Amino acid sequence: MKAASEGLVPPSMWKCRPTTPLVAKPGSVDLVLTFRNVHNWVQQGDAATQAVFRSAFDALKPGGVLGVVDHRLPAAATQTEK
């Protein structure tokens, strides 16, 4: 496999919840990518949201990338907590 000969490894996926936000071992990944999760983390409160982002940033290698894809409310709407 060409990727293996170049020192690349296949991507891995972790499931992350605000109550157990460990993404991966510190400094072990090049990219953390989340799709449509941030609005749910926000509903869990600031501390939970910060814990998830801290875990993601801690998992990144130097120069790593955190990618966030999410939708948002219309400008006239207000975020409500559950």
C-alpha atoms as a PDB file:
ATOM      1  CA  MET A   1       0.000   0.000   0.000  1.00  0.00           C
ATOM      2  CA  LYS A   2       1.492   3.345  -1.057  1.00  0.00           C
ATOM      3  CA  ALA A   3       0.185   5.244   1.976  1.00  0.00           C
ATOM      4  CA  ALA A   4       1.842   2.804   4.371  1.00  0.00           C
ATOM      5  CA  SER A   5       5.166   3.091   2.560  1.00  0.00           C
ATOM      6  CA  GLU A   6       4.961   6.877   2.973  1.00  0.00           C
ATOM      7  CA  GLY A   7       4.307   6.595   6.708  1.00  0.00           C
ATOM      8  CA  LEU A   8       0.588   7.372   6.453  1.00  0.00           C
ATOM      9  CA  VAL A   9      -1.988   5.480   8.455  1.00  0.00           C
ATOM     10  CA  PRO A  10      -5.657   4.938   7.660  1.00  0.00           C
ATOM     11  CA  PRO A  11      -8.086   7.407   9.268  1.00  0.00           C
ATOM     12  CA  SER A  12      -9.744   6.476  12.528  1.00  0.00           C
ATOM     13  CA  MET A  13     -13.030   7.604  14.010  1.00  0.00           C
ATOM     14  CA  TRP A  14     -13.834   8.326  17.646  1.00  0.00           C
ATOM     15  CA  LYS A  15     -17.236   8.937  19.137  1.00  0.00           C
ATOM     16  CA  CYS A  16     -17.179  11.895  21.479  1.00  0.00           C
ATOM     17  CA  ARG A  17     -19.776  13.070  23.977  1.00  0.00           C
ATOM     18  CA  PRO A  18     -19.597  16.169  26.194  1.00  0.00           C
ATOM     19  CA  THR A  19     -19.761  13.920  29.253  1.00  0.00           C
ATOM     20  CA  THR A  20     -16.724  11.906  28.069  1.00  0.00           C
ATOM     21  CA  PRO A  21     -14.925  14.239  25.663  1.00  0.00           C
ATOM     22  CA  LEU A  22     -11.649  12.343  25.171  1.00  0.00           C
ATOM     23  CA  VAL A  23     -11.050  12.506  21.420  1.00  0.00           C
ATOM     24  CA  ALA A  24      -7.682  10.743  21.168  1.00  0.00           C
ATOM     25  CA  LYS A  25      -4.310  10.518  22.865  1.00  0.00           C
ATOM     26  CA  PRO A  26      -2.714  13.957  23.250  1.00  0.00           C
ATOM     27  CA  GLY A  27      -0.704  15.042  20.219  1.00  0.00           C
ATOM     28  CA  SER A  28      -1.659  11.977  18.192  1.00  0.00           C
ATOM     29  CA  VAL A  29      -3.802  13.223  15.282  1.00  0.00           C
ATOM     30  CA  ASP A  30      -3.426  15.548  12.316  1.00  0.00           C
ATOM     31  CA  LEU A  31      -7.112  16.385  11.914  1.00  0.00           C
ATOM     32  CA  VAL A  32     -10.195  16.465  14.110  1.00  0.00           C
ATOM     33  CA  LEU A  33     -13.381  16.906  12.116  1.00  0.00           C
ATOM     34  CA  THR A  34     -16.907  17.295  13.467  1.00  0.00           C
ATOM     35  CA  PHE A  35     -20.140  17.451  11.476  1.00  0.00           C
ATOM     36  CA  ARG A  36     -23.260  19.052  12.943  1.00  0.00           C
ATOM     37  CA  ASN A  37     -22.420  18.513  16.595  1.00  0.00           C
ATOM     38  CA  VAL A  38     -21.478  21.903  18.025  1.00  0.00           C
ATOM     39  CA  HIS A  39     -25.061  23.138  18.370  1.00  0.00           C
ATOM     40  CA  ASN A  40     -25.810  20.051  20.501  1.00  0.00           C
ATOM     41  CA  TRP A  41     -22.718  20.588  22.658  1.00  0.00           C
ATOM     42  CA  VAL A  42     -23.781  24.206  23.241  1.00  0.00           C
ATOM     43  CA  GLN A  43     -27.073  22.947  24.634  1.00  0.00           C
ATOM     44  CA  GLN A  44     -25.064  21.008  27.241  1.00  0.00           C
ATOM     45  CA  GLY A  45     -23.566  24.258  28.578  1.00  0.00           C
ATOM     46  CA  ASP A  46     -20.309  26.167  28.346  1.00  0.00           C
ATOM     47  CA  ALA A  47     -18.277  23.762  30.480  1.00  0.00           C
ATOM     48  CA  ALA A  48     -19.235  20.748  28.387  1.00  0.00           C
ATOM     49  CA  THR A  49     -18.605  22.589  25.123  1.00  0.00           C
ATOM     50  CA  GLN A  50     -15.214  23.789  26.317  1.00  0.00           C
ATOM     51  CA  ALA A  51     -14.287  20.267  27.454  1.00  0.00           C
ATOM     52  CA  VAL A  52     -14.980  18.851  23.992  1.00  0.00           C
ATOM     53  CA  PHE A  53     -12.978  21.567  22.233  1.00  0.00           C
ATOM     54  CA  ARG A  54     -10.117  21.248  24.759  1.00  0.00           C
ATOM     55  CA  SER A  55      -9.996  17.500  24.143  1.00  0.00           C
ATOM     56  CA  ALA A  56      -9.951  18.067  20.374  1.00  0.00           C
ATOM     57  CA  PHE A  57      -7.146  20.632  20.560  1.00  0.00           C
ATOM     58  CA  ASP A  58      -5.141  18.448  22.951  1.00  0.00           C
ATOM     59  CA  ALA A  59      -5.407  15.514  20.524  1.00  0.00           C
ATOM     60  CA  LEU A  60      -3.961  17.522  17.635  1.00  0.00           C
ATOM     61  CA  LYS A  61      -0.313  17.323  16.692  1.00  0.00           C
ATOM     62  CA  PRO A  62       1.490  20.661  16.299  1.00  0.00           C
ATOM     63  CA  GLY A  63       0.079  22.267  13.148  1.00  0.00           C
ATOM     64  CA  GLY A  64      -2.984  19.988  13.248  1.00  0.00           C
ATOM     65  CA  VAL A  65      -6.379  21.156  12.045  1.00  0.00           C
ATOM     66  CA  LEU A  66      -9.768  21.278  13.760  1.00  0.00           C
ATOM     67  CA  GLY A  67     -12.566  21.311  11.179  1.00  0.00           C
ATOM     68  CA  VAL A  68     -16.115  22.219  12.175  1.00  0.00           C
ATOM     69  CA  VAL A  69     -19.153  21.871   9.932  1.00  0.00           C
ATOM     70  CA  ASP A  70     -22.460  22.918  11.435  1.00  0.00           C
ATOM     71  CA  HIS A  71     -25.700  24.603  10.525  1.00  0.00           C
ATOM     72  CA  ARG A  72     -27.004  27.646  12.298  1.00  0.00           C
ATOM     73  CA  LEU A  73     -30.265  29.223  13.283  1.00  0.00           C
ATOM     74  CA  PRO A  74     -31.756  32.006  11.209  1.00  0.00           C
ATOM     75  CA  ALA A  75     -30.511  35.436  12.342  1.00  0.00           C
ATOM     76  CA  ALA A  76     -33.860  36.242  13.984  1.00  0.00           C
ATOM     77  CA  ALA A  77     -33.985  32.993  16.043  1.00  0.00           C
ATOM     78  CA  THR A  78     -32.637  32.429  19.562  1.00  0.00           C
ATOM     79  CA  GLN A  79     -30.746  29.345  20.742  1.00  0.00           C
ATOM     80  CA  THR A  80     -32.642  27.610  23.542  1.00  0.00           C
ATOM     81  CA  GLU A  81     -31.306  25.122  26.065  1.00  0.00           C
ATOM     82  CA  LYS A  82     -33.011  21.768  26.504  1.00  0.00           C
END
